[in-house]
PDB file of N, CA and C in Angstrom:
ATOM      1  N   MET A   1     -62.702  -8.041 -80.340  1.00  0.00           N
ATOM      2  CA  MET A   1     -63.202  -8.289 -79.008  1.00  0.00           C
ATOM      3  C   MET A   1     -62.225  -9.136 -78.199  1.00  0.00           C
ATOM      4  N   SER A   2     -61.718 -10.211 -78.775  1.00  0.00           N
ATOM      5  CA  SER A   2     -60.825 -11.081 -78.005  1.00  0.00           C
ATOM      6  C   SER A   2     -59.534 -10.372 -77.634  1.00  0.00           C
ATOM      7  N   SER A   3     -59.057  -9.453 -78.485  1.00  0.00           N
ATOM      8  CA  SER A   3     -57.840  -8.715 -78.133  1.00  0.00           C
ATOM      9  C   SER A   3     -58.112  -7.772 -76.966  1.00  0.00           C
ATOM     10  N   ASP A   4     -59.306  -7.226 -76.890  1.00  0.00           N
ATOM     11  CA  ASP A   4     -59.674  -6.372 -75.754  1.00  0.00           C
ATOM     12  C   ASP A   4     -59.712  -7.182 -74.467  1.00  0.00           C
ATOM     13  N   ALA A   5     -60.234  -8.397 -74.541  1.00  0.00           N
ATOM     14  CA  ALA A   5     -60.274  -9.258 -73.358  1.00  0.00           C
ATOM     15  C   ALA A   5     -58.861  -9.555 -72.883  1.00  0.00           C
ATOM     16  N   GLY A   6     -57.942  -9.754 -73.798  1.00  0.00           N
ATOM     17  CA  GLY A   6     -56.549  -9.995 -73.439  1.00  0.00           C
ATOM     18  C   GLY A   6     -55.931  -8.805 -72.738  1.00  0.00           C
ATOM     19  N   LYS A   7     -56.282  -7.599 -73.183  1.00  0.00           N
ATOM     20  CA  LYS A   7     -55.767  -6.380 -72.553  1.00  0.00           C
ATOM     21  C   LYS A   7     -56.306  -6.247 -71.129  1.00  0.00           C
ATOM     22  N   VAL A   8     -57.577  -6.562 -70.945  1.00  0.00           N
ATOM     23  CA  VAL A   8     -58.179  -6.510 -69.610  1.00  0.00           C
ATOM     24  C   VAL A   8     -57.492  -7.530 -68.708  1.00  0.00           C
ATOM     25  N   GLN A   9     -57.291  -8.731 -69.228  1.00  0.00           N
ATOM     26  CA  GLN A   9     -56.635  -9.782 -68.446  1.00  0.00           C
ATOM     27  C   GLN A   9     -55.222  -9.354 -68.044  1.00  0.00           C
ATOM     28  N   GLU A  10     -54.494  -8.743 -68.937  1.00  0.00           N
ATOM     29  CA  GLU A  10     -53.132  -8.278 -68.638  1.00  0.00           C
ATOM     30  C   GLU A  10     -53.148  -7.221 -67.528  1.00  0.00           C
ATOM     31  N   ALA A  11     -54.065  -6.258 -67.647  1.00  0.00           N
ATOM     32  CA  ALA A  11     -54.154  -5.201 -66.636  1.00  0.00           C
ATOM     33  C   ALA A  11     -54.523  -5.787 -65.275  1.00  0.00           C
ATOM     34  N   LEU A  12     -55.490  -6.703 -65.253  1.00  0.00           N
ATOM     35  CA  LEU A  12     -55.911  -7.302 -63.996  1.00  0.00           C
ATOM     36  C   LEU A  12     -54.812  -8.143 -63.370  1.00  0.00           C
ATOM     37  N   SER A  13     -54.070  -8.865 -64.178  1.00  0.00           N
ATOM     38  CA  SER A  13     -53.007  -9.702 -63.617  1.00  0.00           C
ATOM     39  C   SER A  13     -51.951  -8.840 -62.939  1.00  0.00           C
ATOM     40  N   ARG A  14     -51.678  -7.670 -63.497  1.00  0.00           N
ATOM     41  CA  ARG A  14     -50.718  -6.761 -62.853  1.00  0.00           C
ATOM     42  C   ARG A  14     -51.260  -6.217 -61.541  1.00  0.00           C
ATOM     43  N   LEU A  15     -52.546  -5.877 -61.503  1.00  0.00           N
ATOM     44  CA  LEU A  15     -53.151  -5.356 -60.279  1.00  0.00           C
ATOM     45  C   LEU A  15     -53.220  -6.420 -59.196  1.00  0.00           C
ATOM     46  N   PHE A  16     -53.602  -7.634 -59.578  1.00  0.00           N
ATOM     47  CA  PHE A  16     -53.660  -8.732 -58.610  1.00  0.00           C
ATOM     48  C   PHE A  16     -52.281  -9.082 -58.079  1.00  0.00           C
ATOM     49  N   GLY A  17     -51.254  -8.770 -58.837  1.00  0.00           N
ATOM     50  CA  GLY A  17     -49.890  -9.076 -58.432  1.00  0.00           C
ATOM     51  C   GLY A  17     -49.299  -8.091 -57.442  1.00  0.00           C
ATOM     52  N   LEU A  18     -49.964  -6.986 -57.192  1.00  0.00           N
ATOM     53  CA  LEU A  18     -49.456  -5.989 -56.256  1.00  0.00           C
ATOM     54  C   LEU A  18     -49.593  -6.495 -54.823  1.00  0.00           C
ATOM     55  N   VAL A  19     -48.528  -6.422 -54.073  1.00  0.00           N
ATOM     56  CA  VAL A  19     -48.527  -6.893 -52.694  1.00  0.00           C
ATOM     57  C   VAL A  19     -49.544  -6.101 -51.878  1.00  0.00           C
ATOM     58  N   GLY A  20     -50.430  -6.812 -51.202  1.00  0.00           N
ATOM     59  CA  GLY A  20     -51.424  -6.180 -50.342  1.00  0.00           C
ATOM     60  C   GLY A  20     -52.632  -5.630 -51.077  1.00  0.00           C
ATOM     61  N   ALA A  21     -52.686  -5.833 -52.389  1.00  0.00           N
ATOM     62  CA  ALA A  21     -53.798  -5.274 -53.169  1.00  0.00           C
ATOM     63  C   ALA A  21     -55.097  -6.032 -52.886  1.00  0.00           C
ATOM     64  N   GLU A  22     -56.168  -5.279 -52.737  1.00  0.00           N
ATOM     65  CA  GLU A  22     -57.510  -5.840 -52.660  1.00  0.00           C
ATOM     66  C   GLU A  22     -58.236  -5.356 -53.903  1.00  0.00           C
ATOM     67  N   VAL A  23     -58.510  -6.267 -54.815  1.00  0.00           N
ATOM     68  CA  VAL A  23     -59.092  -5.908 -56.102  1.00  0.00           C
ATOM     69  C   VAL A  23     -60.550  -6.329 -56.136  1.00  0.00           C
ATOM     70  N   GLU A  24     -61.409  -5.407 -56.501  1.00  0.00           N
ATOM     71  CA  GLU A  24     -62.826  -5.700 -56.695  1.00  0.00           C
ATOM     72  C   GLU A  24     -63.158  -5.374 -58.140  1.00  0.00           C
ATOM     73  N   ILE A  25     -63.817  -6.299 -58.809  1.00  0.00           N
ATOM     74  CA  ILE A  25     -64.168  -6.111 -60.211  1.00  0.00           C
ATOM     75  C   ILE A  25     -65.669  -5.944 -60.328  1.00  0.00           C
ATOM     76  N   SER A  26     -66.093  -4.918 -61.038  1.00  0.00           N
ATOM     77  CA  SER A  26     -67.505  -4.673 -61.288  1.00  0.00           C
ATOM     78  C   SER A  26     -67.706  -4.632 -62.800  1.00  0.00           C
ATOM     79  N   LEU A  27     -68.704  -5.338 -63.273  1.00  0.00           N
ATOM     80  CA  LEU A  27     -68.954  -5.437 -64.705  1.00  0.00           C
ATOM     81  C   LEU A  27     -70.430  -5.221 -64.970  1.00  0.00           C
ATOM     82  N   ASP A  28     -70.732  -4.311 -65.864  1.00  0.00           N
ATOM     83  CA  ASP A  28     -72.108  -4.037 -66.245  1.00  0.00           C
ATOM     84  C   ASP A  28     -72.209  -4.231 -67.753  1.00  0.00           C
ATOM     85  N   ILE A  29     -73.042  -5.159 -68.169  1.00  0.00           N
ATOM     86  CA  ILE A  29     -73.206  -5.438 -69.596  1.00  0.00           C
ATOM     87  C   ILE A  29     -74.657  -5.155 -69.972  1.00  0.00           C
ATOM     88  N   GLN A  30     -74.824  -4.341 -70.991  1.00  0.00           N
ATOM     89  CA  GLN A  30     -76.162  -4.042 -71.494  1.00  0.00           C
ATOM     90  C   GLN A  30     -76.164  -4.307 -72.989  1.00  0.00           C
ATOM     91  N   VAL A  31     -77.107  -5.104 -73.428  1.00  0.00           N
ATOM     92  CA  VAL A  31     -77.214  -5.464 -74.839  1.00  0.00           C
ATOM     93  C   VAL A  31     -78.631  -5.171 -75.299  1.00  0.00           C
ATOM     94  N   LYS A  32     -78.742  -4.464 -76.403  1.00  0.00           N
ATOM     95  CA  LYS A  32     -80.054  -4.199 -76.981  1.00  0.00           C
ATOM     96  C   LYS A  32     -80.120  -4.902 -78.332  1.00  0.00           C
ATOM     97  N   VAL A  33     -81.110  -5.785 -78.470  1.00  0.00           N
ATOM     98  CA  VAL A  33     -81.313  -6.529 -79.704  1.00  0.00           C
ATOM     99  C   VAL A  33     -82.749  -6.284 -80.147  1.00  0.00           C
ATOM    100  N   PRO A  34     -82.939  -5.570 -81.258  1.00  0.00           N
ATOM    101  CA  PRO A  34     -84.292  -5.194 -81.677  1.00  0.00           C
ATOM    102  C   PRO A  34     -85.267  -6.364 -81.771  1.00  0.00           C
ATOM    103  N   GLN A  35     -84.819  -7.511 -82.256  1.00  0.00           N
ATOM    104  CA  GLN A  35     -85.720  -8.651 -82.411  1.00  0.00           C
ATOM    105  C   GLN A  35     -85.769  -9.539 -81.183  1.00  0.00           C
ATOM    106  N   GLY A  36     -85.059  -9.161 -80.122  1.00  0.00           N
ATOM    107  CA  GLY A  36     -85.040  -9.945 -78.898  1.00  0.00           C
ATOM    108  C   GLY A  36     -83.952 -11.010 -78.932  1.00  0.00           C
ATOM    109  N   ILE A  37     -83.777 -11.687 -77.814  1.00  0.00           N
ATOM    110  CA  ILE A  37     -82.740 -12.713 -77.697  1.00  0.00           C
ATOM    111  C   ILE A  37     -83.413 -14.072 -77.529  1.00  0.00           C
ATOM    112  N   ASP A  38     -83.019 -15.001 -78.364  1.00  0.00           N
ATOM    113  CA  ASP A  38     -83.558 -16.353 -78.371  1.00  0.00           C
ATOM    114  C   ASP A  38     -83.478 -16.981 -76.972  1.00  0.00           C
ATOM    115  N   HIS A  39     -84.487 -17.754 -76.611  1.00  0.00           N
ATOM    116  CA  HIS A  39     -84.545 -18.376 -75.282  1.00  0.00           C
ATOM    117  C   HIS A  39     -83.364 -19.313 -75.028  1.00  0.00           C
ATOM    118  N   ASP A  40     -82.896 -20.019 -76.054  1.00  0.00           N
ATOM    119  CA  ASP A  40     -81.739 -20.908 -75.877  1.00  0.00           C
ATOM    120  C   ASP A  40     -80.481 -20.120 -75.527  1.00  0.00           C
ATOM    121  N   ILE A  41     -80.304 -18.972 -76.171  1.00  0.00           N
ATOM    122  CA  ILE A  41     -79.147 -18.118 -75.866  1.00  0.00           C
ATOM    123  C   ILE A  41     -79.276 -17.561 -74.459  1.00  0.00           C
ATOM    124  N   GLN A  42     -80.479 -17.147 -74.069  1.00  0.00           N
ATOM    125  CA  GLN A  42     -80.702 -16.655 -72.711  1.00  0.00           C
ATOM    126  C   GLN A  42     -80.353 -17.732 -71.683  1.00  0.00           C
ATOM    127  N   ARG A  43     -80.755 -18.966 -71.940  1.00  0.00           N
ATOM    128  CA  ARG A  43     -80.474 -20.069 -71.018  1.00  0.00           C
ATOM    129  C   ARG A  43     -78.970 -20.278 -70.867  1.00  0.00           C
ATOM    130  N   VAL A  44     -78.250 -20.279 -71.976  1.00  0.00           N
ATOM    131  CA  VAL A  44     -76.793 -20.486 -71.935  1.00  0.00           C
ATOM    132  C   VAL A  44     -76.110 -19.347 -71.188  1.00  0.00           C
ATOM    133  N   VAL A  45     -76.537 -18.124 -71.453  1.00  0.00           N
ATOM    134  CA  VAL A  45     -75.952 -16.964 -70.774  1.00  0.00           C
ATOM    135  C   VAL A  45     -76.220 -17.046 -69.276  1.00  0.00           C
ATOM    136  N   ARG A  46     -77.438 -17.384 -68.888  1.00  0.00           N
ATOM    137  CA  ARG A  46     -77.771 -17.517 -67.458  1.00  0.00           C
ATOM    138  C   ARG A  46     -76.930 -18.603 -66.787  1.00  0.00           C
ATOM    139  N   GLU A  47     -76.782 -19.743 -67.471  1.00  0.00           N
ATOM    140  CA  GLU A  47     -75.973 -20.833 -66.911  1.00  0.00           C
ATOM    141  C   GLU A  47     -74.534 -20.388 -66.700  1.00  0.00           C
ATOM    142  N   ASN A  48     -73.978 -19.675 -67.680  1.00  0.00           N
ATOM    143  CA  ASN A  48     -72.609 -19.180 -67.548  1.00  0.00           C
ATOM    144  C   ASN A  48     -72.494 -18.151 -66.432  1.00  0.00           C
ATOM    145  N   CYS A  49     -73.479 -17.295 -66.305  1.00  0.00           N
ATOM    146  CA  CYS A  49     -73.471 -16.302 -65.226  1.00  0.00           C
ATOM    147  C   CYS A  49     -73.522 -16.982 -63.862  1.00  0.00           C
ATOM    148  N   ASN A  50     -74.283 -18.055 -63.754  1.00  0.00           N
ATOM    149  CA  ASN A  50     -74.341 -18.809 -62.499  1.00  0.00           C
ATOM    150  C   ASN A  50     -72.985 -19.422 -62.178  1.00  0.00           C
ATOM    151  N   VAL A  51     -72.338 -20.007 -63.172  1.00  0.00           N
ATOM    152  CA  VAL A  51     -71.022 -20.614 -62.973  1.00  0.00           C
ATOM    153  C   VAL A  51     -70.005 -19.558 -62.537  1.00  0.00           C
ATOM    154  N   LEU A  52     -70.104 -18.370 -63.128  1.00  0.00           N
ATOM    155  CA  LEU A  52     -69.187 -17.273 -62.794  1.00  0.00           C
ATOM    156  C   LEU A  52     -69.587 -16.565 -61.500  1.00  0.00           C
ATOM    157  N   LYS A  53     -70.703 -16.988 -60.900  1.00  0.00           N
ATOM    158  CA  LYS A  53     -71.198 -16.419 -59.647  1.00  0.00           C
ATOM    159  C   LYS A  53     -71.521 -14.920 -59.752  1.00  0.00           C
ATOM    160  N   PHE A  54     -72.096 -14.527 -60.891  1.00  0.00           N
ATOM    161  CA  PHE A  54     -72.555 -13.146 -61.038  1.00  0.00           C
ATOM    162  C   PHE A  54     -73.734 -12.933 -60.098  1.00  0.00           C
ATOM    163  N   ASP A  55     -73.786 -11.777 -59.442  1.00  0.00           N
ATOM    164  CA  ASP A  55     -74.864 -11.485 -58.506  1.00  0.00           C
ATOM    165  C   ASP A  55     -76.200 -11.322 -59.205  1.00  0.00           C
ATOM    166  N   ASP A  56     -76.219 -10.619 -60.311  1.00  0.00           N
ATOM    167  CA  ASP A  56     -77.458 -10.273 -60.970  1.00  0.00           C
ATOM    168  C   ASP A  56     -77.304 -10.516 -62.466  1.00  0.00           C
ATOM    169  N   HIS A  57     -78.194 -11.286 -63.017  1.00  0.00           N
ATOM    170  CA  HIS A  57     -78.183 -11.534 -64.462  1.00  0.00           C
ATOM    171  C   HIS A  57     -79.609 -11.857 -64.911  1.00  0.00           C
ATOM    172  N   ASP A  58     -80.130 -10.990 -65.724  1.00  0.00           N
ATOM    173  CA  ASP A  58     -81.491 -11.179 -66.174  1.00  0.00           C
ATOM    174  C   ASP A  58     -81.682 -10.518 -67.526  1.00  0.00           C
ATOM    175  N   PHE A  59     -82.749 -10.866 -68.161  1.00  0.00           N
ATOM    176  CA  PHE A  59     -83.105 -10.277 -69.449  1.00  0.00           C
ATOM    177  C   PHE A  59     -84.406  -9.521 -69.274  1.00  0.00           C
ATOM    178  N   GLU A  60     -84.465  -8.335 -69.864  1.00  0.00           N
ATOM    179  CA  GLU A  60     -85.662  -7.515 -69.772  1.00  0.00           C
ATOM    180  C   GLU A  60     -86.177  -7.213 -71.167  1.00  0.00           C
ATOM    181  N   LYS A  61     -87.499  -7.125 -71.284  1.00  0.00           N
ATOM    182  CA  LYS A  61     -88.108  -6.683 -72.537  1.00  0.00           C
ATOM    183  C   LYS A  61     -88.386  -5.197 -72.419  1.00  0.00           C
ATOM    184  N   GLU A  62     -88.155  -4.500 -73.513  1.00  0.00           N
ATOM    185  CA  GLU A  62     -88.467  -3.056 -73.503  1.00  0.00           C
ATOM    186  C   GLU A  62     -89.813  -2.812 -74.099  1.00  0.00           C
TER     187      GLU A  62
END
């Protein structure tokens, strides 16, 4: 996983480096956990999403 993040960072740094480039990043993360996600983990994820200024971040029960 961390090596994939490094590859994304490398690609983005090249795109941001293009003169006159307007870069928009869209990220959609979906996680399915059969037993659900602990409330403490949900709180930490929400706090991090707020810091990163994500527009939408929520947990849903199926």
